């Protein structure tokens, strides 16, 4: 099978190029929405997992596995949701440019 055919099949599997761009834009919007509320969510639901799925459906659970089960039960797509663990005491990350 030619590379172009494989590429075309992959695009078609995602609903076409226009749908792929819409999905990406929607994912970005939901990502910004979740993180605009992250401090509030951590205060309200510490140590829980949150997903913001298509249609702006919020899902909360005590574990990642439970979160995925809840999403499956509601028929929500996992691959286009934004996930986060609401950790009130997250680890500190130190990022440095270059090598040590």
C-alpha atoms as a PDB file:
ATOM      1  CA  UNK A   1       0.000   0.000   0.000  1.00  0.00           C
ATOM      2  CA  UNK A   2       1.362   3.411  -0.932  1.00  0.00           C
ATOM      3  CA  UNK A   3       2.140   5.959   1.793  1.00  0.00           C
ATOM      4  CA  UNK A   4      -0.477   8.343   0.390  1.00  0.00           C
ATOM      5  CA  UNK A   5      -3.170   5.652   0.683  1.00  0.00           C
ATOM      6  CA  UNK A   6      -2.228   4.969   4.323  1.00  0.00           C
ATOM      7  CA  UNK A   7      -2.289   8.682   5.074  1.00  0.00           C
ATOM      8  CA  UNK A   8      -5.666   9.122   3.361  1.00  0.00           C
ATOM      9  CA  UNK A   9      -7.105   6.166   5.305  1.00  0.00           C
ATOM     10  CA  UNK A  10      -5.864   7.616   8.602  1.00  0.00           C
ATOM     11  CA  UNK A  11      -7.447  11.001   7.851  1.00  0.00           C
ATOM     12  CA  UNK A  12     -10.705   9.316   6.862  1.00  0.00           C
ATOM     13  CA  UNK A  13     -10.702   7.290  10.107  1.00  0.00           C
ATOM     14  CA  UNK A  14     -10.703  10.590  12.035  1.00  0.00           C
ATOM     15  CA  UNK A  15     -13.631  11.945  10.022  1.00  0.00           C
ATOM     16  CA  UNK A  16     -11.672  13.933   7.465  1.00  0.00           C
ATOM     17  CA  UNK A  17      -9.214  16.779   7.698  1.00  0.00           C
ATOM     18  CA  UNK A  18     -11.848  19.376   8.605  1.00  0.00           C
ATOM     19  CA  UNK A  19     -13.074  17.239  11.505  1.00  0.00           C
ATOM     20  CA  UNK A  20      -9.514  16.753  12.713  1.00  0.00           C
ATOM     21  CA  UNK A  21      -9.030  20.527  12.878  1.00  0.00           C
ATOM     22  CA  UNK A  22     -12.377  21.004  14.661  1.00  0.00           C
ATOM     23  CA  UNK A  23     -11.461  18.304  17.188  1.00  0.00           C
ATOM     24  CA  UNK A  24      -8.080  19.945  17.795  1.00  0.00           C
ATOM     25  CA  UNK A  25      -9.627  23.378  18.291  1.00  0.00           C
ATOM     26  CA  UNK A  26     -12.248  21.934  20.652  1.00  0.00           C
ATOM     27  CA  UNK A  27      -9.574  20.076  22.632  1.00  0.00           C
ATOM     28  CA  UNK A  28      -7.551  23.294  22.988  1.00  0.00           C
ATOM     29  CA  UNK A  29     -10.641  25.197  24.174  1.00  0.00           C
ATOM     30  CA  UNK A  30     -11.488  22.525  26.770  1.00  0.00           C
ATOM     31  CA  UNK A  31      -7.866  22.419  27.914  1.00  0.00           C
ATOM     32  CA  UNK A  32      -7.929  26.183  28.526  1.00  0.00           C
ATOM     33  CA  UNK A  33     -11.308  25.909  30.299  1.00  0.00           C
ATOM     34  CA  UNK A  34     -10.101  23.185  32.663  1.00  0.00           C
ATOM     35  CA  UNK A  35      -6.884  25.021  33.517  1.00  0.00           C
ATOM     36  CA  UNK A  36      -8.696  28.321  34.004  1.00  0.00           C
ATOM     37  CA  UNK A  37     -10.547  26.593  36.864  1.00  0.00           C
ATOM     38  CA  UNK A  38      -7.739  24.375  38.178  1.00  0.00           C
ATOM     39  CA  UNK A  39      -7.202  26.181  41.517  1.00  0.00           C
ATOM     40  CA  UNK A  40     -10.937  26.209  42.230  1.00  0.00           C
ATOM     41  CA  UNK A  41     -11.236  22.510  41.303  1.00  0.00           C
ATOM     42  CA  UNK A  42      -8.300  21.526  43.525  1.00  0.00           C
ATOM     43  CA  UNK A  43      -9.957  23.318  46.462  1.00  0.00           C
ATOM     44  CA  UNK A  44     -13.366  21.735  45.782  1.00  0.00           C
ATOM     45  CA  UNK A  45     -12.197  18.207  44.926  1.00  0.00           C
ATOM     46  CA  UNK A  46      -8.671  17.601  46.219  1.00  0.00           C
ATOM     47  CA  UNK A  47      -6.972  14.377  45.107  1.00  0.00           C
ATOM     48  CA  UNK A  48      -9.703  13.509  42.629  1.00  0.00           C
ATOM     49  CA  UNK A  49      -9.310  12.970  38.900  1.00  0.00           C
ATOM     50  CA  UNK A  50     -11.164  15.186  36.441  1.00  0.00           C
ATOM     51  CA  UNK A  51     -11.885  14.835  32.750  1.00  0.00           C
ATOM     52  CA  UNK A  52     -13.457  17.446  30.530  1.00  0.00           C
ATOM     53  CA  UNK A  53     -14.930  15.624  27.552  1.00  0.00           C
ATOM     54  CA  UNK A  54     -16.675  16.653  24.362  1.00  0.00           C
ATOM     55  CA  UNK A  55     -19.800  18.675  24.948  1.00  0.00           C
ATOM     56  CA  UNK A  56     -18.092  20.181  28.015  1.00  0.00           C
ATOM     57  CA  UNK A  57     -19.067  17.169  30.113  1.00  0.00           C
ATOM     58  CA  UNK A  58     -17.196  17.196  33.443  1.00  0.00           C
ATOM     59  CA  UNK A  59     -16.401  13.812  35.003  1.00  0.00           C
ATOM     60  CA  UNK A  60     -14.873  13.377  38.470  1.00  0.00           C
ATOM     61  CA  UNK A  61     -13.621  10.208  40.162  1.00  0.00           C
ATOM     62  CA  UNK A  62     -11.348   9.061  42.968  1.00  0.00           C
ATOM     63  CA  UNK A  63      -8.955   7.198  40.641  1.00  0.00           C
ATOM     64  CA  UNK A  64      -7.876   7.315  37.028  1.00  0.00           C
ATOM     65  CA  UNK A  65      -9.322   3.844  36.395  1.00  0.00           C
ATOM     66  CA  UNK A  66     -12.669   4.888  37.884  1.00  0.00           C
ATOM     67  CA  UNK A  67     -12.632   8.050  35.779  1.00  0.00           C
ATOM     68  CA  UNK A  68     -12.216   5.991  32.605  1.00  0.00           C
ATOM     69  CA  UNK A  69     -15.016   3.612  33.664  1.00  0.00           C
ATOM     70  CA  UNK A  70     -17.342   6.572  34.287  1.00  0.00           C
ATOM     71  CA  UNK A  71     -16.510   7.994  30.877  1.00  0.00           C
ATOM     72  CA  UNK A  72     -17.172   4.637  29.232  1.00  0.00           C
ATOM     73  CA  UNK A  73     -20.513   4.312  31.040  1.00  0.00           C
ATOM     74  CA  UNK A  74     -21.519   7.741  29.745  1.00  0.00           C
ATOM     75  CA  UNK A  75     -20.380   6.909  26.213  1.00  0.00           C
ATOM     76  CA  UNK A  76     -17.738   9.661  26.218  1.00  0.00           C
ATOM     77  CA  UNK A  77     -14.694   9.507  23.941  1.00  0.00           C
ATOM     78  CA  UNK A  78     -11.510   9.041  25.960  1.00  0.00           C
ATOM     79  CA  UNK A  79      -9.099  10.070  23.237  1.00  0.00           C
ATOM     80  CA  UNK A  80     -10.301  13.662  22.992  1.00  0.00           C
ATOM     81  CA  UNK A  81     -10.813  14.447  26.673  1.00  0.00           C
ATOM     82  CA  UNK A  82      -8.609  16.607  28.877  1.00  0.00           C
ATOM     83  CA  UNK A  83      -7.501  14.817  32.071  1.00  0.00           C
ATOM     84  CA  UNK A  84      -5.939  16.046  35.277  1.00  0.00           C
ATOM     85  CA  UNK A  85      -5.261  14.783  38.787  1.00  0.00           C
ATOM     86  CA  UNK A  86      -6.323  17.483  41.256  1.00  0.00           C
ATOM     87  CA  UNK A  87      -3.268  17.292  43.476  1.00  0.00           C
ATOM     88  CA  UNK A  88      -3.293  19.940  46.237  1.00  0.00           C
ATOM     89  CA  UNK A  89       0.440  19.418  46.798  1.00  0.00           C
ATOM     90  CA  UNK A  90       1.973  18.767  43.366  1.00  0.00           C
ATOM     91  CA  UNK A  91       5.662  17.964  43.030  1.00  0.00           C
ATOM     92  CA  UNK A  92       7.913  20.881  42.187  1.00  0.00           C
ATOM     93  CA  UNK A  93       9.502  20.615  38.781  1.00  0.00           C
ATOM     94  CA  UNK A  94      12.693  22.458  38.024  1.00  0.00           C
ATOM     95  CA  UNK A  95      13.270  22.938  34.318  1.00  0.00           C
ATOM     96  CA  UNK A  96      16.622  24.061  33.037  1.00  0.00           C
ATOM     97  CA  UNK A  97      17.862  24.776  29.564  1.00  0.00           C
ATOM     98  CA  UNK A  98      20.871  22.848  28.360  1.00  0.00           C
ATOM     99  CA  UNK A  99      22.554  19.884  30.002  1.00  0.00           C
ATOM    100  CA  UNK A 100      23.951  19.545  33.487  1.00  0.00           C
END
